Amino acid sequence: MPIQIAALTEENLRDAPEWEAHPWSCKYCLYWEHPELLVDPAKEDRAASLEKKLAWIRRVRAELGECGRVLYADGQAVGYAQYGPPSFFPSAGSYPAGPVSDDAVFLACLFFPARADRGRGWGSRLLQDILCELRSRGVAAVETFARKGNAENPSGPAEFYLRHGFGILRDDREFPLLRLNLSR
């Protein structure tokens, strides 16, 4: 099965994988970027959410460059990742193990919504691609909040990151802040 990883753009955001739970796709999710806009799913305006996400991507790409990745398997988007400086993710400051360090890029999500797409090594490939890109930009570190013992979360399971060299910077019973120094 051919795998392709592409930088997140305004064009391929529309490809973001879908799932059953709210917000139904990464292309509509504003959790990290606009906490003031979190809405009741029954009142959600997907078109407006998509426009806000597109505006966010334009802003981050214009100021800093790449801010995410989409993983395609057989031409279908199955995985999604989003990252950037902590200042672009206001919700990150509300986590008990936070805040994210100023010298780090925040990995807000690395997600494969379909269980059938997990456990195939694709998450590792996506993470390694992101880390390679960030190292090439001279980024000092990557931090993320990951969930302990549960893969049903867009930030992914803590165990995944620990296997890839991240350490716990600040612990929490559910969402510890994990860090990987890139300047080794």
C-alpha atoms as a PDB file:
ATOM      1  CA  MET A   1       0.000   0.000   0.000  1.00  0.00           C
ATOM      2  CA  PRO A   2       1.667   3.261  -1.099  1.00  0.00           C
ATOM      3  CA  ILE A   3       2.112   5.824   1.667  1.00  0.00           C
ATOM      4  CA  GLN A   4       2.605   9.542   1.066  1.00  0.00           C
ATOM      5  CA  ILE A   5       3.131  12.287   3.644  1.00  0.00           C
ATOM      6  CA  ALA A   6       2.330  15.828   2.559  1.00  0.00           C
ATOM      7  CA  ALA A   7       2.759  19.177   4.281  1.00  0.00           C
ATOM      8  CA  LEU A   8      -0.551  20.574   5.512  1.00  0.00           C
ATOM      9  CA  THR A   9      -1.867  23.275   3.176  1.00  0.00           C
ATOM     10  CA  GLU A  10      -5.114  25.106   2.600  1.00  0.00           C
ATOM     11  CA  GLU A  11      -5.784  22.761  -0.301  1.00  0.00           C
ATOM     12  CA  ASN A  12      -5.245  19.421   1.442  1.00  0.00           C
ATOM     13  CA  LEU A  13      -6.911  20.400   4.731  1.00  0.00           C
ATOM     14  CA  ARG A  14     -10.138  19.454   2.971  1.00  0.00           C
ATOM     15  CA  ASP A  15      -8.755  15.883   2.699  1.00  0.00           C
ATOM     16  CA  ALA A  16      -8.407  15.508   6.487  1.00  0.00           C
ATOM     17  CA  PRO A  17      -9.728  12.152   7.674  1.00  0.00           C
ATOM     18  CA  GLU A  18     -13.296  11.932   8.956  1.00  0.00           C
ATOM     19  CA  TRP A  19     -14.606  10.132  12.041  1.00  0.00           C
ATOM     20  CA  GLU A  20     -17.837   9.653  13.938  1.00  0.00           C
ATOM     21  CA  ALA A  21     -17.203  11.857  16.988  1.00  0.00           C
ATOM     22  CA  HIS A  22     -17.484  15.639  17.200  1.00  0.00           C
ATOM     23  CA  PRO A  23     -15.957  17.626  15.461  1.00  0.00           C
ATOM     24  CA  TRP A  24     -16.116  14.874  12.801  1.00  0.00           C
ATOM     25  CA  SER A  25     -12.798  15.826  11.205  1.00  0.00           C
ATOM     26  CA  CYS A  26      -9.568  17.675  11.933  1.00  0.00           C
ATOM     27  CA  LYS A  27     -10.606  20.220   9.311  1.00  0.00           C
ATOM     28  CA  TYR A  28     -13.396  21.442  11.610  1.00  0.00           C
ATOM     29  CA  CYS A  29     -11.566  21.134  14.928  1.00  0.00           C
ATOM     30  CA  LEU A  30     -10.765  24.463  16.575  1.00  0.00           C
ATOM     31  CA  TYR A  31     -10.091  23.057  20.043  1.00  0.00           C
ATOM     32  CA  TRP A  32      -6.481  24.220  20.309  1.00  0.00           C
ATOM     33  CA  GLU A  33      -6.696  27.377  18.187  1.00  0.00           C
ATOM     34  CA  HIS A  34     -10.003  28.954  19.241  1.00  0.00           C
ATOM     35  CA  PRO A  35     -11.182  27.694  22.654  1.00  0.00           C
ATOM     36  CA  GLU A  36     -13.737  30.508  22.776  1.00  0.00           C
ATOM     37  CA  LEU A  37     -15.496  28.965  19.771  1.00  0.00           C
ATOM     38  CA  LEU A  38     -16.094  25.480  21.142  1.00  0.00           C
ATOM     39  CA  VAL A  39     -19.723  24.805  20.384  1.00  0.00           C
ATOM     40  CA  ASP A  40     -22.473  22.347  21.000  1.00  0.00           C
ATOM     41  CA  PRO A  41     -22.287  19.805  18.150  1.00  0.00           C
ATOM     42  CA  ALA A  42     -25.958  20.418  17.383  1.00  0.00           C
ATOM     43  CA  LYS A  43     -25.166  24.085  16.707  1.00  0.00           C
ATOM     44  CA  GLU A  44     -21.934  23.587  14.780  1.00  0.00           C
ATOM     45  CA  ASP A  45     -21.457  25.416  11.496  1.00  0.00           C
ATOM     46  CA  ARG A  46     -18.942  23.248   9.636  1.00  0.00           C
ATOM     47  CA  ALA A  47     -18.402  25.775   6.851  1.00  0.00           C
ATOM     48  CA  ALA A  48     -17.554  28.518   9.353  1.00  0.00           C
ATOM     49  CA  SER A  49     -15.269  26.156  11.298  1.00  0.00           C
ATOM     50  CA  LEU A  50     -13.445  25.175   8.112  1.00  0.00           C
ATOM     51  CA  GLU A  51     -12.936  28.842   7.186  1.00  0.00           C
ATOM     52  CA  LYS A  52     -11.500  29.604  10.629  1.00  0.00           C
ATOM     53  CA  LYS A  53      -9.152  26.625  10.361  1.00  0.00           C
ATOM     54  CA  LEU A  54      -8.045  27.731   6.883  1.00  0.00           C
ATOM     55  CA  ALA A  55      -7.380  31.252   8.176  1.00  0.00           C
ATOM     56  CA  TRP A  56      -5.327  29.793  11.032  1.00  0.00           C
ATOM     57  CA  ILE A  57      -3.241  27.709   8.603  1.00  0.00           C
ATOM     58  CA  ARG A  58      -2.643  30.760   6.368  1.00  0.00           C
ATOM     59  CA  ARG A  59      -1.512  32.797   9.374  1.00  0.00           C
ATOM     60  CA  VAL A  60       0.866  30.157  10.740  1.00  0.00           C
ATOM     61  CA  ARG A  61       2.320  29.310   7.328  1.00  0.00           C
ATOM     62  CA  ALA A  62       2.873  33.003   6.531  1.00  0.00           C
ATOM     63  CA  GLU A  63       4.592  33.686   9.846  1.00  0.00           C
ATOM     64  CA  LEU A  64       6.454  30.442  10.452  1.00  0.00           C
ATOM     65  CA  GLY A  65       6.180  27.955   7.606  1.00  0.00           C
ATOM     66  CA  GLU A  66       4.845  24.424   7.768  1.00  0.00           C
ATOM     67  CA  CYS A  67       2.442  23.602  10.585  1.00  0.00           C
ATOM     68  CA  GLY A  68       1.162  20.114   9.917  1.00  0.00           C
ATOM     69  CA  ARG A  69       1.117  16.952   7.851  1.00  0.00           C
ATOM     70  CA  VAL A  70      -1.422  14.671   6.204  1.00  0.00           C
ATOM     71  CA  LEU A  71      -0.631  10.977   5.699  1.00  0.00           C
ATOM     72  CA  TYR A  72      -2.209   9.304   2.672  1.00  0.00           C
ATOM     73  CA  ALA A  73      -2.546   5.547   2.166  1.00  0.00           C
ATOM     74  CA  ASP A  74      -3.568   4.501  -1.335  1.00  0.00           C
ATOM     75  CA  GLY A  75      -4.407   8.136  -2.075  1.00  0.00           C
ATOM     76  CA  GLN A  76      -6.816   8.485   0.884  1.00  0.00           C
ATOM     77  CA  ALA A  77      -6.035  10.757   3.855  1.00  0.00           C
ATOM     78  CA  VAL A  78      -5.902   8.548   6.945  1.00  0.00           C
ATOM     79  CA  GLY A  79      -3.674  10.492   9.355  1.00  0.00           C
ATOM     80  CA  TYR A  80      -3.333  14.108  10.405  1.00  0.00           C
ATOM     81  CA  ALA A  81      -0.847  16.090  12.481  1.00  0.00           C
ATOM     82  CA  GLN A  82      -0.738  19.755  13.453  1.00  0.00           C
ATOM     83  CA  TYR A  83       1.992  21.741  15.215  1.00  0.00           C
ATOM     84  CA  GLY A  84       3.430  25.187  15.783  1.00  0.00           C
ATOM     85  CA  PRO A  85       4.633  27.614  18.418  1.00  0.00           C
ATOM     86  CA  PRO A  86       2.634  27.462  21.667  1.00  0.00           C
ATOM     87  CA  SER A  87       1.322  31.000  21.133  1.00  0.00           C
ATOM     88  CA  PHE A  88      -0.838  29.697  18.272  1.00  0.00           C
ATOM     89  CA  PHE A  89      -2.587  27.204  20.591  1.00  0.00           C
ATOM     90  CA  PRO A  90      -4.302  29.098  23.447  1.00  0.00           C
ATOM     91  CA  SER A  91      -5.979  25.955  24.842  1.00  0.00           C
ATOM     92  CA  ALA A  92      -2.573  24.457  25.665  1.00  0.00           C
ATOM     93  CA  GLY A  93      -2.238  26.885  28.572  1.00  0.00           C
ATOM     94  CA  SER A  94      -5.247  25.416  30.349  1.00  0.00           C
ATOM     95  CA  TYR A  95      -3.812  21.926  30.875  1.00  0.00           C
ATOM     96  CA  PRO A  96      -2.707  21.075  34.434  1.00  0.00           C
ATOM     97  CA  ALA A  97       0.726  19.855  33.221  1.00  0.00           C
ATOM     98  CA  GLY A  98       1.235  22.981  31.118  1.00  0.00           C
ATOM     99  CA  PRO A  99       2.198  25.382  29.885  1.00  0.00           C
ATOM    100  CA  VAL A 100       4.220  24.364  26.843  1.00  0.00           C
ATOM    101  CA  SER A 101       7.796  25.692  26.955  1.00  0.00           C
ATOM    102  CA  ASP A 102       8.625  28.781  24.913  1.00  0.00           C
ATOM    103  CA  ASP A 103      11.562  27.046  23.207  1.00  0.00           C
ATOM    104  CA  ALA A 104       9.412  24.157  21.956  1.00  0.00           C
ATOM    105  CA  VAL A 105       7.078  23.558  19.046  1.00  0.00           C
ATOM    106  CA  PHE A 106       3.750  22.224  20.278  1.00  0.00           C
ATOM    107  CA  LEU A 107       2.501  19.059  18.578  1.00  0.00           C
ATOM    108  CA  ALA A 108      -1.231  19.571  19.061  1.00  0.00           C
ATOM    109  CA  CYS A 109      -2.338  16.345  17.414  1.00  0.00           C
ATOM    110  CA  LEU A 110      -1.131  13.284  15.574  1.00  0.00           C
ATOM    111  CA  PHE A 111      -4.235  11.270  14.872  1.00  0.00           C
ATOM    112  CA  PHE A 112      -5.487   8.283  12.905  1.00  0.00           C
ATOM    113  CA  PRO A 113      -9.265   8.263  13.452  1.00  0.00           C
ATOM    114  CA  ALA A 114      -9.892   4.760  12.068  1.00  0.00           C
ATOM    115  CA  ARG A 115      -8.726   1.976  14.381  1.00  0.00           C
ATOM    116  CA  ALA A 116      -7.863  -0.093  11.303  1.00  0.00           C
ATOM    117  CA  ASP A 117      -5.208   2.507  10.412  1.00  0.00           C
ATOM    118  CA  ARG A 118      -3.460   2.246  13.792  1.00  0.00           C
ATOM    119  CA  GLY A 119      -0.733  -0.225  14.672  1.00  0.00           C
ATOM    120  CA  ARG A 120       0.649  -0.238  11.115  1.00  0.00           C
ATOM    121  CA  GLY A 121       3.667   1.955  11.813  1.00  0.00           C
ATOM    122  CA  TRP A 122       2.122   4.932  10.028  1.00  0.00           C
ATOM    123  CA  GLY A 123       2.048   7.075  13.171  1.00  0.00           C
ATOM    124  CA  SER A 124       5.768   6.447  13.631  1.00  0.00           C
ATOM    125  CA  ARG A 125       6.434   7.423  10.015  1.00  0.00           C
ATOM    126  CA  LEU A 126       4.367  10.573  10.393  1.00  0.00           C
ATOM    127  CA  LEU A 127       6.098  11.531  13.643  1.00  0.00           C
ATOM    128  CA  GLN A 128       9.570  10.904  12.185  1.00  0.00           C
ATOM    129  CA  ASP A 129       8.712  13.044   9.155  1.00  0.00           C
ATOM    130  CA  ILE A 130       7.624  15.896  11.438  1.00  0.00           C
ATOM    131  CA  LEU A 131      10.718  15.602  13.632  1.00  0.00           C
ATOM    132  CA  CYS A 132      12.993  15.616  10.580  1.00  0.00           C
ATOM    133  CA  GLU A 133      11.305  18.755   9.246  1.00  0.00           C
ATOM    134  CA  LEU A 134      11.551  20.525  12.617  1.00  0.00           C
ATOM    135  CA  ARG A 135      15.213  19.577  13.060  1.00  0.00           C
ATOM    136  CA  SER A 136      15.956  21.024   9.613  1.00  0.00           C
ATOM    137  CA  ARG A 137      14.457  24.320  10.825  1.00  0.00           C
ATOM    138  CA  GLY A 138      16.649  24.325  13.944  1.00  0.00           C
ATOM    139  CA  VAL A 139      13.779  23.784  16.396  1.00  0.00           C
ATOM    140  CA  ALA A 140      15.110  22.987  19.889  1.00  0.00           C
ATOM    141  CA  ALA A 141      12.328  20.720  21.155  1.00  0.00           C
ATOM    142  CA  VAL A 142       8.844  19.315  20.593  1.00  0.00           C
ATOM    143  CA  GLU A 143       6.239  19.050  23.346  1.00  0.00           C
ATOM    144  CA  THR A 144       2.803  17.480  23.394  1.00  0.00           C
ATOM    145  CA  PHE A 145       0.040  16.563  25.801  1.00  0.00           C
ATOM    146  CA  ALA A 146      -0.733  12.887  25.294  1.00  0.00           C
ATOM    147  CA  ARG A 147      -3.284  10.741  27.007  1.00  0.00           C
ATOM    148  CA  LYS A 148      -2.227   7.976  29.363  1.00  0.00           C
ATOM    149  CA  GLY A 149      -3.609   4.546  28.503  1.00  0.00           C
ATOM    150  CA  ASN A 150      -6.040   5.635  25.781  1.00  0.00           C
ATOM    151  CA  ALA A 151      -5.530   6.005  22.038  1.00  0.00           C
ATOM    152  CA  GLU A 152      -8.974   7.548  21.498  1.00  0.00           C
ATOM    153  CA  ASN A 153      -7.671  11.066  21.543  1.00  0.00           C
ATOM    154  CA  PRO A 154      -6.310  13.291  18.759  1.00  0.00           C
ATOM    155  CA  SER A 155      -3.102  13.960  20.663  1.00  0.00           C
ATOM    156  CA  GLY A 156      -2.473  10.219  20.800  1.00  0.00           C
ATOM    157  CA  PRO A 157      -1.427   7.885  23.587  1.00  0.00           C
ATOM    158  CA  ALA A 158       1.464   8.865  25.884  1.00  0.00           C
ATOM    159  CA  GLU A 159       2.978   5.406  25.429  1.00  0.00           C
ATOM    160  CA  PHE A 160       3.478   6.089  21.699  1.00  0.00           C
ATOM    161  CA  TYR A 161       5.577   9.180  22.385  1.00  0.00           C
ATOM    162  CA  LEU A 162       7.557   7.520  25.188  1.00  0.00           C
ATOM    163  CA  ARG A 163       8.524   4.740  22.737  1.00  0.00           C
ATOM    164  CA  HIS A 164       9.835   7.446  20.378  1.00  0.00           C
ATOM    165  CA  GLY A 165      12.191   9.069  22.874  1.00  0.00           C
ATOM    166  CA  PHE A 166       9.944  11.656  24.492  1.00  0.00           C
ATOM    167  CA  GLY A 167      10.167  12.037  28.244  1.00  0.00           C
ATOM    168  CA  ILE A 168       7.648  13.330  30.746  1.00  0.00           C
ATOM    169  CA  LEU A 169       8.395  16.994  31.396  1.00  0.00           C
ATOM    170  CA  ARG A 170       5.470  17.505  33.799  1.00  0.00           C
ATOM    171  CA  ASP A 171       3.273  14.636  34.855  1.00  0.00           C
ATOM    172  CA  ASP A 172      -0.508  14.524  35.151  1.00  0.00           C
ATOM    173  CA  ARG A 173      -2.783  11.568  35.875  1.00  0.00           C
ATOM    174  CA  GLU A 174      -4.392  11.853  32.425  1.00  0.00           C
ATOM    175  CA  PHE A 175      -2.506  14.296  30.132  1.00  0.00           C
ATOM    176  CA  PRO A 176       1.201  14.667  30.951  1.00  0.00           C
ATOM    177  CA  LEU A 177       3.330  17.149  29.036  1.00  0.00           C
ATOM    178  CA  LEU A 178       5.892  15.165  27.050  1.00  0.00           C
ATOM    179  CA  ARG A 179       9.083  16.620  25.560  1.00  0.00           C
ATOM    180  CA  LEU A 180      11.684  15.552  23.024  1.00  0.00           C
ATOM    181  CA  ASN A 181      14.854  17.636  22.706  1.00  0.00           C
ATOM    182  CA  LEU A 182      15.851  17.849  19.047  1.00  0.00           C
ATOM    183  CA  SER A 183      19.274  19.426  19.385  1.00  0.00           C
ATOM    184  CA  ARG A 184      21.195  16.245  20.156  1.00  0.00           C
END
